[in-house]
Amino acid sequence: MGSIININRKKWGIGTLSLIISIFSVTFSFSSLGEKTIGENILKAIGVRFPVMVISTVLFVIAIFIGHKYREDYGAKFGKNISISFIILMMILSVISSIYK
């Protein structure tokens, strides 16, 4: 018996950054330590006063762009899908919070 060659094996590349950026952005905006999100703690530590959700949205958009452009790389499609899902979630939560405010 000969060896089996996996032709569809995905490579690690720039598209893999899509997954990494998506996971970082989720952690940055949705995980908390105490009463503040991790993103708020990081921004306070470096002295930046900017809304965490804006930075997260920008990171999600970057992840979508990278995941779309380098879709053949390992984790690119998953990172892109995570980013799209969380952008939609943030939009829904923003609408709900403005309705019940």
N, C-alpha and C. Protein backbone atom coordinates (compact mmCIF):
# COMPACT_ATOMS: atom_id res chain seq x y z
N MET A 1 0.83 -1.17 0.00
CA MET A 1 0.00 0.00 0.00
C MET A 1 0.88 1.24 0.00
N GLY A 2 0.48 2.17 -0.82
CA GLY A 2 1.21 3.45 -0.89
C GLY A 2 0.73 4.40 0.18
N SER A 3 1.45 5.48 0.35
CA SER A 3 1.06 6.47 1.35
C SER A 3 -0.03 7.39 0.77
N ILE A 4 -0.85 7.87 1.64
CA ILE A 4 -1.93 8.76 1.23
C ILE A 4 -1.43 10.20 1.32
N ILE A 5 -1.61 10.94 0.25
CA ILE A 5 -1.19 12.34 0.22
C ILE A 5 -2.43 13.21 0.39
N ASN A 6 -2.37 14.10 1.34
CA ASN A 6 -3.49 15.00 1.60
C ASN A 6 -3.30 16.25 0.74
N ILE A 7 -4.05 16.36 -0.33
CA ILE A 7 -3.92 17.49 -1.25
C ILE A 7 -4.57 18.74 -0.68
N ASN A 8 -5.60 18.58 0.13
CA ASN A 8 -6.35 19.71 0.65
C ASN A 8 -5.78 20.28 1.94
N ARG A 9 -4.58 19.98 2.27
CA ARG A 9 -3.98 20.46 3.50
C ARG A 9 -3.76 21.97 3.42
N LYS A 10 -4.27 22.70 4.41
CA LYS A 10 -4.14 24.14 4.41
C LYS A 10 -2.83 24.55 5.07
N LYS A 11 -2.29 25.65 4.60
CA LYS A 11 -1.02 26.13 5.14
C LYS A 11 -1.25 27.25 6.14
N TRP A 12 -0.29 27.42 7.00
CA TRP A 12 -0.30 28.54 7.91
C TRP A 12 0.24 29.73 7.14
N GLY A 13 -0.44 30.84 7.22
CA GLY A 13 0.00 32.02 6.49
C GLY A 13 -0.64 33.26 7.04
N ILE A 14 -0.68 34.29 6.21
CA ILE A 14 -1.25 35.57 6.63
C ILE A 14 -2.72 35.41 6.99
N GLY A 15 -3.45 34.55 6.30
CA GLY A 15 -4.85 34.32 6.59
C GLY A 15 -5.10 33.79 7.99
N THR A 16 -4.12 33.13 8.56
CA THR A 16 -4.23 32.62 9.92
C THR A 16 -4.35 33.78 10.92
N LEU A 17 -3.81 34.94 10.55
CA LEU A 17 -3.94 36.11 11.42
C LEU A 17 -5.40 36.51 11.62
N SER A 18 -6.25 36.18 10.67
CA SER A 18 -7.67 36.48 10.82
C SER A 18 -8.24 35.82 12.06
N LEU A 19 -7.91 34.57 12.27
CA LEU A 19 -8.37 33.85 13.46
C LEU A 19 -7.76 34.45 14.73
N ILE A 20 -6.49 34.75 14.69
CA ILE A 20 -5.80 35.30 15.86
C ILE A 20 -6.37 36.67 16.22
N ILE A 21 -6.57 37.54 15.23
CA ILE A 21 -7.12 38.87 15.48
C ILE A 21 -8.55 38.76 16.00
N SER A 22 -9.34 37.85 15.45
CA SER A 22 -10.72 37.67 15.91
C SER A 22 -10.76 37.24 17.37
N ILE A 23 -9.95 36.29 17.74
CA ILE A 23 -9.92 35.82 19.13
C ILE A 23 -9.45 36.93 20.06
N PHE A 24 -8.43 37.69 19.64
CA PHE A 24 -7.95 38.80 20.44
C PHE A 24 -9.05 39.85 20.62
N SER A 25 -9.76 40.15 19.55
CA SER A 25 -10.80 41.17 19.62
C SER A 25 -11.96 40.74 20.51
N VAL A 26 -12.33 39.47 20.45
CA VAL A 26 -13.38 38.96 21.35
C VAL A 26 -12.92 39.08 22.79
N THR A 27 -11.70 38.70 23.06
CA THR A 27 -11.15 38.80 24.41
C THR A 27 -11.06 40.26 24.84
N PHE A 28 -10.66 41.11 23.93
CA PHE A 28 -10.48 42.54 24.19
C PHE A 28 -11.79 43.20 24.59
N SER A 29 -12.88 42.83 23.94
CA SER A 29 -14.13 43.55 24.15
C SER A 29 -15.17 42.83 25.01
N PHE A 30 -15.13 41.53 25.10
CA PHE A 30 -16.19 40.79 25.77
C PHE A 30 -15.76 40.07 27.05
N SER A 31 -14.48 40.03 27.35
CA SER A 31 -14.02 39.39 28.58
C SER A 31 -13.71 40.47 29.61
N SER A 32 -14.02 40.19 30.85
CA SER A 32 -13.82 41.23 31.85
C SER A 32 -13.00 40.72 33.03
N LEU A 33 -12.31 41.68 33.63
CA LEU A 33 -11.60 41.47 34.88
C LEU A 33 -12.20 42.47 35.86
N GLY A 34 -12.91 42.00 36.83
CA GLY A 34 -13.59 42.91 37.74
C GLY A 34 -14.79 43.53 37.04
N GLU A 35 -14.87 44.86 37.10
CA GLU A 35 -16.00 45.56 36.50
C GLU A 35 -15.71 46.06 35.09
N LYS A 36 -14.47 46.03 34.65
CA LYS A 36 -14.10 46.54 33.34
C LYS A 36 -13.69 45.39 32.42
N THR A 37 -13.86 45.64 31.11
CA THR A 37 -13.39 44.65 30.14
C THR A 37 -11.87 44.66 30.09
N ILE A 38 -11.31 43.61 29.53
CA ILE A 38 -9.86 43.54 29.39
C ILE A 38 -9.37 44.69 28.52
N GLY A 39 -10.14 45.03 27.48
CA GLY A 39 -9.77 46.14 26.61
C GLY A 39 -9.70 47.46 27.36
N GLU A 40 -10.67 47.71 28.23
CA GLU A 40 -10.64 48.94 29.03
C GLU A 40 -9.42 48.98 29.93
N ASN A 41 -9.08 47.84 30.52
CA ASN A 41 -7.89 47.78 31.37
C ASN A 41 -6.61 48.03 30.58
N ILE A 42 -6.52 47.45 29.38
CA ILE A 42 -5.33 47.65 28.54
C ILE A 42 -5.22 49.10 28.11
N LEU A 43 -6.34 49.68 27.66
CA LEU A 43 -6.31 51.07 27.21
C LEU A 43 -5.98 52.02 28.35
N LYS A 44 -6.48 51.75 29.54
CA LYS A 44 -6.16 52.59 30.69
C LYS A 44 -4.69 52.48 31.06
N ALA A 45 -4.14 51.27 30.94
CA ALA A 45 -2.72 51.06 31.28
C ALA A 45 -1.79 51.82 30.34
N ILE A 46 -2.17 51.93 29.06
CA ILE A 46 -1.30 52.64 28.12
C ILE A 46 -1.71 54.10 27.94
N GLY A 47 -2.75 54.53 28.67
CA GLY A 47 -3.14 55.93 28.68
C GLY A 47 -3.95 56.38 27.48
N VAL A 48 -4.67 55.48 26.85
CA VAL A 48 -5.49 55.82 25.69
C VAL A 48 -6.95 55.90 26.12
N ARG A 49 -7.61 57.00 25.75
CA ARG A 49 -9.03 57.16 26.05
C ARG A 49 -9.80 57.05 24.74
N PHE A 50 -10.27 55.85 24.46
CA PHE A 50 -10.99 55.58 23.22
C PHE A 50 -11.97 54.47 23.48
N PRO A 51 -13.16 54.51 22.88
CA PRO A 51 -14.16 53.45 23.14
C PRO A 51 -13.66 52.07 22.69
N VAL A 52 -13.82 51.11 23.56
CA VAL A 52 -13.36 49.74 23.30
C VAL A 52 -14.09 49.13 22.11
N MET A 53 -15.38 49.41 21.99
CA MET A 53 -16.16 48.82 20.91
C MET A 53 -15.71 49.31 19.53
N VAL A 54 -15.23 50.54 19.46
CA VAL A 54 -14.72 51.06 18.18
C VAL A 54 -13.45 50.31 17.78
N ILE A 55 -12.57 50.13 18.74
CA ILE A 55 -11.33 49.41 18.47
C ILE A 55 -11.63 47.96 18.10
N SER A 56 -12.56 47.34 18.81
CA SER A 56 -12.95 45.96 18.51
C SER A 56 -13.54 45.84 17.11
N THR A 57 -14.39 46.80 16.75
CA THR A 57 -14.99 46.78 15.42
C THR A 57 -13.94 46.91 14.34
N VAL A 58 -12.97 47.79 14.55
CA VAL A 58 -11.89 47.94 13.57
C VAL A 58 -11.09 46.64 13.46
N LEU A 59 -10.80 46.01 14.59
CA LEU A 59 -10.07 44.74 14.56
C LEU A 59 -10.88 43.65 13.87
N PHE A 60 -12.18 43.61 14.11
CA PHE A 60 -13.03 42.63 13.42
C PHE A 60 -13.04 42.87 11.92
N VAL A 61 -13.11 44.13 11.49
CA VAL A 61 -13.11 44.44 10.06
C VAL A 61 -11.78 44.04 9.42
N ILE A 62 -10.68 44.28 10.12
CA ILE A 62 -9.37 43.85 9.62
C ILE A 62 -9.33 42.33 9.48
N ALA A 63 -9.87 41.62 10.48
CA ALA A 63 -9.90 40.15 10.43
C ALA A 63 -10.75 39.65 9.27
N ILE A 64 -11.87 40.33 9.01
CA ILE A 64 -12.72 39.94 7.88
C ILE A 64 -11.96 40.14 6.57
N PHE A 65 -11.29 41.26 6.42
CA PHE A 65 -10.54 41.55 5.21
C PHE A 65 -9.44 40.51 4.98
N ILE A 66 -8.66 40.22 6.04
CA ILE A 66 -7.57 39.25 5.91
C ILE A 66 -8.14 37.86 5.61
N GLY A 67 -9.20 37.48 6.32
CA GLY A 67 -9.81 36.17 6.10
C GLY A 67 -10.38 36.00 4.70
N HIS A 68 -10.87 37.09 4.13
CA HIS A 68 -11.41 37.02 2.77
C HIS A 68 -10.29 36.98 1.73
N LYS A 69 -9.28 37.80 1.94
CA LYS A 69 -8.19 37.89 0.96
C LYS A 69 -7.33 36.63 0.94
N TYR A 70 -7.09 36.05 2.09
CA TYR A 70 -6.23 34.86 2.19
C TYR A 70 -7.05 33.66 2.67
N ARG A 71 -8.17 33.40 2.01
CA ARG A 71 -9.11 32.38 2.47
C ARG A 71 -8.57 30.96 2.40
N GLU A 72 -7.50 30.73 1.71
CA GLU A 72 -6.95 29.38 1.59
C GLU A 72 -6.06 29.00 2.77
N ASP A 73 -5.72 29.96 3.61
CA ASP A 73 -4.86 29.68 4.76
C ASP A 73 -5.66 29.07 5.90
N TYR A 74 -4.95 28.39 6.78
CA TYR A 74 -5.55 27.70 7.92
C TYR A 74 -6.22 28.72 8.85
N GLY A 75 -7.48 28.52 9.18
CA GLY A 75 -8.20 29.35 10.13
C GLY A 75 -8.75 30.64 9.57
N ALA A 76 -8.49 30.96 8.31
CA ALA A 76 -8.93 32.22 7.75
C ALA A 76 -10.45 32.32 7.68
N LYS A 77 -11.08 31.27 7.21
CA LYS A 77 -12.54 31.28 7.07
C LYS A 77 -13.21 31.32 8.44
N PHE A 78 -12.69 30.59 9.38
CA PHE A 78 -13.26 30.56 10.73
C PHE A 78 -13.10 31.93 11.41
N GLY A 79 -11.92 32.55 11.25
CA GLY A 79 -11.70 33.89 11.80
C GLY A 79 -12.63 34.91 11.18
N LYS A 80 -12.83 34.81 9.89
CA LYS A 80 -13.75 35.72 9.19
C LYS A 80 -15.17 35.53 9.70
N ASN A 81 -15.61 34.28 9.86
CA ASN A 81 -16.96 34.01 10.34
C ASN A 81 -17.16 34.46 11.78
N ILE A 82 -16.16 34.29 12.63
CA ILE A 82 -16.24 34.78 14.01
C ILE A 82 -16.41 36.30 14.01
N SER A 83 -15.63 36.97 13.18
CA SER A 83 -15.68 38.43 13.13
C SER A 83 -17.04 38.92 12.65
N ILE A 84 -17.56 38.31 11.61
CA ILE A 84 -18.88 38.71 11.11
C ILE A 84 -19.94 38.47 12.18
N SER A 85 -19.87 37.34 12.85
CA SER A 85 -20.85 37.03 13.90
C SER A 85 -20.82 38.04 15.03
N PHE A 86 -19.64 38.42 15.47
CA PHE A 86 -19.55 39.36 16.58
C PHE A 86 -19.89 40.78 16.18
N ILE A 87 -19.64 41.17 14.94
CA ILE A 87 -20.09 42.48 14.49
C ILE A 87 -21.62 42.53 14.49
N ILE A 88 -22.25 41.48 14.01
CA ILE A 88 -23.72 41.41 14.03
C ILE A 88 -24.22 41.43 15.47
N LEU A 89 -23.58 40.68 16.36
CA LEU A 89 -23.96 40.65 17.77
C LEU A 89 -23.84 42.03 18.39
N MET A 90 -22.76 42.75 18.11
CA MET A 90 -22.58 44.09 18.66
C MET A 90 -23.65 45.05 18.14
N MET A 91 -24.02 44.91 16.86
CA MET A 91 -25.07 45.76 16.31
C MET A 91 -26.40 45.47 16.98
N ILE A 92 -26.74 44.21 17.17
CA ILE A 92 -27.99 43.83 17.82
C ILE A 92 -28.02 44.34 19.26
N LEU A 93 -26.93 44.15 19.98
CA LEU A 93 -26.88 44.62 21.37
C LEU A 93 -26.96 46.13 21.46
N SER A 94 -26.38 46.84 20.50
CA SER A 94 -26.47 48.30 20.49
C SER A 94 -27.91 48.76 20.26
N VAL A 95 -28.60 48.12 19.35
CA VAL A 95 -30.00 48.47 19.08
C VAL A 95 -30.85 48.17 20.31
N ILE A 96 -30.67 47.02 20.91
CA ILE A 96 -31.45 46.64 22.09
C ILE A 96 -31.18 47.60 23.24
N SER A 97 -29.91 47.96 23.45
CA SER A 97 -29.60 48.87 24.56
C SER A 97 -30.15 50.26 24.32
N SER A 98 -30.23 50.71 23.05
CA SER A 98 -30.80 52.04 22.78
C SER A 98 -32.32 52.01 22.93
N ILE A 99 -32.96 50.89 22.69
CA ILE A 99 -34.41 50.79 22.85
C ILE A 99 -34.80 50.81 24.33
N TYR A 100 -34.06 50.09 25.15
CA TYR A 100 -34.42 49.96 26.57
C TYR A 100 -33.70 50.94 27.48
N LYS A 101 -33.14 51.98 26.92
CA LYS A 101 -32.41 52.96 27.73
C LYS A 101 -33.31 53.95 28.36
